[in-house]
């Protein structure tokens, strides 16, 4: 399927039916340059600050900058001792709803995030993995690297991409991924043990966090154009379907954050099994200029576009509910709109996200 090159953005419809977050982001990200007054933007952001979803999120943050006593928890987990969603997903959620950048909640968390980038060896920075790390030291390097990548992604999304501390960490992360992409492990990343199919101990594939970081750092993309292109081609290939683990000493972990190819599952017509995940992934590829190399992602977006009406509103037949996220990796990103049990509220998130993707892809835009 071929992608269109034009798209209509329903500004008035999004303002009428969108949440506070979507109304604010529509004004700042989708409206024509110079068409919205500073006063209107300030009022829209104040509505975000006063919204129930925003204030509820802020109230859960501790003065240490931490949410839930953990860093990467995407949902409560009795097994892992996680009672609520963790710091980095919540921080990224604040960014997605349009909470004012540079405000106190970010400043509190930034202190922790920059400590993670600095390779601070303080045991307290192991958070939810402190207990596992005390019984199996081999877990520590893997956990600290995952934390660094997630912290780098959050800081890049917060607009700190020119901060020398983030740039230094980002290049180190890119170096490790680049070495993996150039090695034979990129094609054969697994080893078989008596009990498991395991990731090769020397393999350092991209992750949801490292890709999110790169997607938000255009200067890094320009400086490392060859690497960015190789990464784009790697992320376009089908992801392995087999289950695998990461063996760390005597522990075997099932990683949820690794990306060994395109994670989108879709049928022959291009209908995605998990639409929020598909759109999140497509947006990251669009920010990297890599969507053209991804056949499944392109097919899903092209099929999705067939359900848009002449207003630019997503209007599939028989829509009975909001698309359900199946993978919790999209917690911070989706939804931005509550399901009000009507067709409009159920269509807002997808309508908004596709409009953002169309802008990122450089399509010719018109407005209604």
Protein backbone atom coordinates (compact mmCIF):
# COMPACT_ATOMS: atom_id res chain seq x y z
CA UNK A 1 0.00 0.00 0.00
CA UNK A 2 1.15 3.50 -0.80
CA UNK A 3 0.99 6.28 1.74
CA UNK A 4 -0.84 9.50 0.85
CA UNK A 5 1.13 12.73 0.63
CA UNK A 6 -1.63 15.01 1.92
CA UNK A 7 -3.69 15.10 5.08
CA UNK A 8 -6.41 17.29 6.57
CA UNK A 9 -6.05 18.23 10.24
CA UNK A 10 -9.40 18.89 11.97
CA UNK A 11 -8.27 21.64 14.32
CA UNK A 12 -11.78 22.75 15.35
CA UNK A 13 -12.93 19.15 15.89
CA UNK A 14 -9.92 18.35 18.09
CA UNK A 15 -10.52 21.51 20.11
CA UNK A 16 -14.19 20.60 20.57
CA UNK A 17 -13.81 16.93 21.47
CA UNK A 18 -10.23 16.59 22.75
CA UNK A 19 -9.01 16.44 26.33
CA UNK A 20 -7.08 19.32 27.87
CA UNK A 21 -3.83 17.67 26.76
CA UNK A 22 -4.95 17.22 23.16
CA UNK A 23 -6.38 20.74 22.94
CA UNK A 24 -3.10 22.21 24.18
CA UNK A 25 -0.94 20.05 21.92
CA UNK A 26 -3.16 20.74 18.93
CA UNK A 27 -2.50 24.46 19.37
CA UNK A 28 1.26 24.07 19.86
CA UNK A 29 2.10 21.21 17.48
CA UNK A 30 -0.54 21.11 14.75
CA UNK A 31 -1.82 24.65 14.20
CA UNK A 32 -0.21 26.75 11.44
CA UNK A 33 2.69 28.86 12.66
CA UNK A 34 1.55 32.19 14.01
CA UNK A 35 -2.14 31.31 13.95
CA UNK A 36 -2.57 30.98 17.72
CA UNK A 37 -2.00 33.78 20.21
CA UNK A 38 0.35 33.33 23.18
CA UNK A 39 -2.62 34.01 25.46
CA UNK A 40 -4.60 31.13 23.95
CA UNK A 41 -1.64 28.77 24.36
CA UNK A 42 -1.12 29.85 27.97
CA UNK A 43 -4.81 29.32 28.75
CA UNK A 44 -4.75 25.87 27.17
CA UNK A 45 -1.71 24.84 29.20
CA UNK A 46 -3.28 26.17 32.39
CA UNK A 47 -6.24 23.91 31.67
CA UNK A 48 -3.77 20.98 31.59
CA UNK A 49 -2.36 22.04 34.97
CA UNK A 50 -5.85 22.21 36.45
CA UNK A 51 -7.06 18.97 34.90
CA UNK A 52 -7.93 16.00 37.13
CA UNK A 53 -5.55 13.69 35.29
CA UNK A 54 -2.64 16.11 35.61
CA UNK A 55 -3.13 16.95 39.28
CA UNK A 56 -3.64 13.27 40.19
CA UNK A 57 -0.32 12.44 38.54
CA UNK A 58 1.56 15.21 40.34
CA UNK A 59 0.17 14.25 43.75
CA UNK A 60 1.76 10.82 43.50
CA UNK A 61 5.29 12.20 43.08
CA UNK A 62 7.45 12.30 46.21
CA UNK A 63 9.78 15.17 47.12
CA UNK A 64 12.66 12.93 46.03
CA UNK A 65 11.34 13.15 42.47
CA UNK A 66 10.30 9.48 42.49
CA UNK A 67 6.96 7.91 41.72
CA UNK A 68 6.05 4.55 43.18
CA UNK A 69 9.46 3.85 44.68
CA UNK A 70 10.67 2.48 41.34
CA UNK A 71 11.97 3.65 37.98
CA UNK A 72 10.62 1.49 35.16
CA UNK A 73 7.44 -0.14 36.48
CA UNK A 74 4.75 0.11 33.79
CA UNK A 75 2.00 -1.36 35.98
CA UNK A 76 1.60 -2.79 39.48
CA UNK A 77 3.24 -6.19 39.88
CA UNK A 78 2.99 -8.33 43.01
CA UNK A 79 5.76 -10.60 41.76
CA UNK A 80 8.19 -7.70 41.30
CA UNK A 81 7.06 -5.82 44.39
CA UNK A 82 5.84 -2.86 42.31
CA UNK A 83 2.75 -1.15 43.72
CA UNK A 84 2.33 1.55 41.08
CA UNK A 85 3.72 2.91 37.83
CA UNK A 86 7.30 4.10 38.17
CA UNK A 87 9.19 7.35 37.79
CA UNK A 88 10.31 7.34 34.16
CA UNK A 89 6.92 6.34 32.67
CA UNK A 90 5.23 8.98 34.84
CA UNK A 91 7.78 11.64 33.88
CA UNK A 92 7.23 10.83 30.20
CA UNK A 93 3.49 10.90 30.80
CA UNK A 94 3.77 14.47 32.11
CA UNK A 95 5.51 15.41 28.88
CA UNK A 96 2.80 13.79 26.78
CA UNK A 97 -0.05 15.62 28.52
CA UNK A 98 1.72 18.95 28.07
CA UNK A 99 2.61 19.75 31.69
CA UNK A 100 4.80 22.90 31.72
CA UNK A 101 8.41 21.96 31.11
CA UNK A 102 10.92 23.24 33.59
CA UNK A 103 8.38 23.17 36.42
CA UNK A 104 9.03 21.66 39.83
CA UNK A 105 7.97 18.04 39.07
CA UNK A 106 10.55 17.82 36.29
CA UNK A 107 13.29 19.50 38.31
CA UNK A 108 12.83 17.02 41.15
CA UNK A 109 13.11 14.03 38.82
CA UNK A 110 15.90 15.51 36.68
CA UNK A 111 18.30 15.23 39.60
CA UNK A 112 17.79 11.47 39.69
CA UNK A 113 17.84 11.05 35.91
CA UNK A 114 21.15 12.88 35.53
CA UNK A 115 22.65 10.80 38.33
CA UNK A 116 21.71 7.71 36.33
CA UNK A 117 23.47 9.12 33.26
CA UNK A 118 26.60 9.81 35.29
CA UNK A 119 27.02 6.09 36.07
CA UNK A 120 26.64 6.80 39.78
CA UNK A 121 27.22 3.44 41.53
CA UNK A 122 25.07 4.27 44.56
CA UNK A 123 23.16 1.05 45.45
CA UNK A 124 20.09 3.20 46.19
CA UNK A 125 19.85 3.92 42.45
CA UNK A 126 18.96 0.30 41.76
CA UNK A 127 15.45 0.99 43.07
CA UNK A 128 13.09 -1.91 42.31
CA UNK A 129 15.99 -4.20 41.45
CA UNK A 130 17.94 -3.66 44.66
CA UNK A 131 16.89 -7.00 46.18
CA UNK A 132 17.64 -9.02 43.04
CA UNK A 133 20.97 -7.25 42.66
CA UNK A 134 22.00 -8.11 46.21
CA UNK A 135 21.52 -11.83 45.58
CA UNK A 136 22.85 -11.86 42.00
CA UNK A 137 25.52 -9.20 41.26
CA UNK A 138 25.54 -10.14 37.56
CA UNK A 139 22.17 -8.39 37.24
CA UNK A 140 23.59 -4.98 38.15
CA UNK A 141 25.28 -3.92 34.84
CA UNK A 142 22.22 -4.91 32.82
CA UNK A 143 19.84 -3.02 35.11
CA UNK A 144 22.00 0.09 35.27
CA UNK A 145 22.25 0.19 31.47
CA UNK A 146 18.48 -0.13 31.11
CA UNK A 147 18.02 2.70 33.62
CA UNK A 148 20.53 4.90 31.77
CA UNK A 149 18.81 4.37 28.44
CA UNK A 150 15.38 5.09 29.92
CA UNK A 151 16.68 8.21 31.67
CA UNK A 152 18.27 9.40 28.43
CA UNK A 153 15.01 8.89 26.54
CA UNK A 154 13.06 10.87 29.14
CA UNK A 155 15.55 13.76 29.19
CA UNK A 156 15.69 13.89 25.39
CA UNK A 157 11.89 14.04 25.21
CA UNK A 158 11.98 16.84 27.79
CA UNK A 159 14.06 18.96 25.41
CA UNK A 160 17.51 18.51 26.98
CA UNK A 161 19.02 17.04 23.80
CA UNK A 162 21.80 19.66 23.65
CA UNK A 163 22.85 19.20 27.28
CA UNK A 164 26.45 17.89 27.20
CA UNK A 165 25.68 15.30 29.87
CA UNK A 166 22.88 13.83 27.78
CA UNK A 167 24.86 14.10 24.54
CA UNK A 168 27.77 12.21 26.10
CA UNK A 169 25.49 9.44 27.37
CA UNK A 170 23.62 9.31 24.07
CA UNK A 171 26.79 8.76 22.06
CA UNK A 172 27.86 5.96 24.41
CA UNK A 173 24.47 4.31 23.99
CA UNK A 174 24.65 4.76 20.21
CA UNK A 175 28.17 3.30 20.16
CA UNK A 176 26.98 0.10 21.85
CA UNK A 177 24.01 -0.29 19.51
CA UNK A 178 26.15 0.52 16.46
CA UNK A 179 28.68 -2.17 17.41
CA UNK A 180 25.82 -4.67 17.68
CA UNK A 181 24.37 -3.70 14.29
CA UNK A 182 27.78 -4.14 12.63
CA UNK A 183 28.38 -7.54 14.22
CA UNK A 184 27.16 -11.02 13.21
CA UNK A 185 25.00 -10.95 16.34
CA UNK A 186 22.54 -8.64 14.58
CA UNK A 187 21.53 -11.60 12.39
CA UNK A 188 21.95 -14.35 14.99
CA UNK A 189 21.44 -12.81 18.44
CA UNK A 190 20.47 -15.99 20.30
CA UNK A 191 22.21 -18.93 21.91
CA UNK A 192 20.55 -22.11 23.11
CA UNK A 193 21.05 -23.48 26.59
CA UNK A 194 19.66 -26.57 28.20
CA UNK A 195 16.68 -24.62 29.51
CA UNK A 196 16.30 -21.51 27.39
CA UNK A 197 16.72 -19.66 24.17
CA UNK A 198 18.83 -16.78 25.44
CA UNK A 199 20.16 -13.50 24.09
CA UNK A 200 23.86 -13.78 23.38
CA UNK A 201 25.75 -12.24 26.32
CA UNK A 202 27.64 -9.88 23.99
CA UNK A 203 24.52 -8.68 22.15
CA UNK A 204 23.41 -5.10 22.76
CA UNK A 205 20.33 -4.59 20.58
CA UNK A 206 18.32 -1.37 20.48
CA UNK A 207 15.57 -0.90 23.04
CA UNK A 208 12.34 1.06 23.22
CA UNK A 209 14.31 3.57 25.29
CA UNK A 210 17.39 3.95 23.11
CA UNK A 211 15.23 4.34 19.99
CA UNK A 212 13.00 6.89 21.74
CA UNK A 213 16.14 8.81 22.72
CA UNK A 214 17.52 8.84 19.18
CA UNK A 215 14.13 9.81 17.76
CA UNK A 216 14.18 12.96 19.93
CA UNK A 217 17.77 13.98 19.14
CA UNK A 218 17.93 15.38 15.58
CA UNK A 219 21.49 16.61 16.07
CA UNK A 220 22.65 13.09 16.92
CA UNK A 221 20.82 11.78 13.85
CA UNK A 222 22.67 14.28 11.66
CA UNK A 223 26.05 13.61 13.25
CA UNK A 224 25.59 9.84 12.94
CA UNK A 225 23.60 9.58 9.73
CA UNK A 226 25.09 6.23 8.75
CA UNK A 227 24.28 4.70 12.10
CA UNK A 228 20.74 6.12 12.04
CA UNK A 229 20.13 4.59 8.62
CA UNK A 230 21.47 1.18 9.70
CA UNK A 231 19.27 1.34 12.76
CA UNK A 232 16.25 2.22 10.64
CA UNK A 233 16.81 -0.77 8.38
CA UNK A 234 17.27 -3.07 11.38
CA UNK A 235 14.05 -1.82 12.98
CA UNK A 236 12.19 -2.48 9.72
CA UNK A 237 12.89 -6.21 9.69
CA UNK A 238 10.43 -8.64 11.30
CA UNK A 239 11.07 -9.18 15.01
CA UNK A 240 11.73 -12.75 16.12
CA UNK A 241 8.59 -14.48 17.34
CA UNK A 242 10.34 -16.91 19.65
CA UNK A 243 10.41 -16.26 23.38
CA UNK A 244 13.84 -15.65 24.85
CA UNK A 245 15.49 -14.62 28.08
CA UNK A 246 18.56 -12.72 29.20
CA UNK A 247 20.75 -14.89 31.42
CA UNK A 248 22.53 -12.94 34.14
CA UNK A 249 24.48 -15.21 36.46
CA UNK A 250 21.96 -17.65 37.86
CA UNK A 251 18.98 -15.49 36.91
CA UNK A 252 17.03 -15.59 33.66
CA UNK A 253 15.04 -12.42 32.95
CA UNK A 254 12.36 -11.92 30.32
CA UNK A 255 13.18 -8.49 28.91
CA UNK A 256 10.24 -6.34 27.83
CA UNK A 257 12.22 -3.38 26.52
CA UNK A 258 14.41 -4.88 23.79
CA UNK A 259 13.68 -4.21 20.09
CA UNK A 260 15.00 -6.89 17.75
CA UNK A 261 13.03 -5.65 14.77
CA UNK A 262 9.57 -4.31 13.99
CA UNK A 263 7.28 -5.16 16.95
CA UNK A 264 4.03 -4.48 15.04
CA UNK A 265 1.76 -7.48 14.53
CA UNK A 266 -0.67 -6.98 11.66
CA UNK A 267 -2.82 -9.12 9.40
CA UNK A 268 -2.52 -9.35 5.62
CA UNK A 269 -4.70 -6.24 5.21
CA UNK A 270 -2.51 -4.13 7.46
CA UNK A 271 -4.82 -4.11 10.49
CA UNK A 272 -2.65 -3.88 13.61
CA UNK A 273 -3.33 -6.15 16.57
CA UNK A 274 -2.19 -3.42 18.99
CA UNK A 275 -2.97 -0.07 17.37
CA UNK A 276 -1.53 2.17 20.14
CA UNK A 277 1.79 0.31 19.98
CA UNK A 278 1.80 0.49 16.18
CA UNK A 279 1.19 4.25 16.16
CA UNK A 280 3.80 4.85 18.85
CA UNK A 281 6.36 2.90 16.84
CA UNK A 282 5.40 4.62 13.58
CA UNK A 283 5.83 8.03 15.23
CA UNK A 284 9.33 7.11 16.43
CA UNK A 285 10.29 5.92 12.94
CA UNK A 286 8.87 9.13 11.45
CA UNK A 287 10.99 11.23 13.82
CA UNK A 288 14.06 9.28 12.68
CA UNK A 289 13.20 9.58 8.98
CA UNK A 290 13.10 5.77 8.85
CA UNK A 291 9.48 4.93 8.06
CA UNK A 292 10.16 4.42 4.35
CA UNK A 293 12.24 1.31 5.12
CA UNK A 294 9.57 -0.35 7.28
CA UNK A 295 7.08 -2.32 5.15
CA UNK A 296 4.81 -3.48 7.99
CA UNK A 297 4.63 -0.08 9.66
CA UNK A 298 3.97 1.58 6.31
CA UNK A 299 1.24 -0.92 5.46
CA UNK A 300 -0.46 -0.38 8.82
CA UNK A 301 -0.43 3.40 8.41
CA UNK A 302 -1.69 3.20 4.82
CA UNK A 303 -4.55 0.92 5.86
CA UNK A 304 -5.38 3.16 8.79
CA UNK A 305 -5.64 6.18 6.52
CA UNK A 306 -8.53 4.54 4.66
CA UNK A 307 -10.70 5.04 7.75
CA UNK A 308 -10.29 8.82 7.79
CA UNK A 309 -13.19 10.93 6.55
CA UNK A 310 -13.10 14.15 4.54
CA UNK A 311 -12.69 16.19 7.76
CA UNK A 312 -9.50 14.36 8.70
CA UNK A 313 -11.24 12.47 11.53
CA UNK A 314 -10.62 8.77 12.12
CA UNK A 315 -14.06 7.24 11.56
CA UNK A 316 -13.88 3.45 11.16
CA UNK A 317 -17.16 1.59 10.78
CA UNK A 318 -18.54 -0.04 13.88
CA UNK A 319 -16.20 1.62 16.39
CA UNK A 320 -17.50 0.37 19.74
CA UNK A 321 -14.68 1.42 22.00
CA UNK A 322 -11.25 3.01 22.13
CA UNK A 323 -8.41 0.89 20.77
CA UNK A 324 -7.00 -1.13 23.66
CA UNK A 325 -3.23 -1.11 24.32
CA UNK A 326 -1.94 -4.67 24.70
CA UNK A 327 1.65 -3.76 25.54
CA UNK A 328 2.22 -1.57 28.59
CA UNK A 329 5.25 0.08 26.95
CA UNK A 330 2.79 2.69 25.63
CA UNK A 331 1.55 3.63 29.12
CA UNK A 332 3.05 7.14 28.96
CA UNK A 333 1.86 7.77 25.43
CA UNK A 334 -1.71 6.45 25.24
CA UNK A 335 -4.43 7.37 25.81
CA UNK A 336 -4.54 11.13 26.13
CA UNK A 337 -8.33 11.07 25.94
CA UNK A 338 -10.80 9.41 28.30
CA UNK A 339 -13.47 7.19 26.77
CA UNK A 340 -16.69 9.16 27.19
CA UNK A 341 -18.68 6.33 25.57
CA UNK A 342 -19.28 8.26 22.36
CA UNK A 343 -17.81 7.98 18.87
CA UNK A 344 -15.98 11.30 19.07
CA UNK A 345 -14.02 10.58 22.25
CA UNK A 346 -13.09 7.13 20.94
CA UNK A 347 -11.64 8.63 17.77
CA UNK A 348 -9.72 11.57 19.24
CA UNK A 349 -6.43 9.86 20.16
CA UNK A 350 -5.92 8.19 16.78
CA UNK A 351 -7.00 11.33 14.91
CA UNK A 352 -4.48 13.40 16.86
CA UNK A 353 -1.62 10.91 16.59
CA UNK A 354 -1.97 10.46 12.85
CA UNK A 355 -2.03 14.25 12.41
CA UNK A 356 1.28 14.46 14.30
CA UNK A 357 2.75 11.67 12.16
CA UNK A 358 1.58 13.40 8.96
CA UNK A 359 3.34 16.60 10.05
CA UNK A 360 6.53 14.69 10.90
CA UNK A 361 6.48 13.00 7.50
CA UNK A 362 6.23 16.35 5.75
CA UNK A 363 2.90 15.69 4.07
CA UNK A 364 1.01 18.61 2.57
CA UNK A 365 -1.41 19.69 5.27
CA UNK A 366 -4.77 21.42 5.08
CA UNK A 367 -6.95 22.45 8.00
CA UNK A 368 -10.57 22.39 9.01
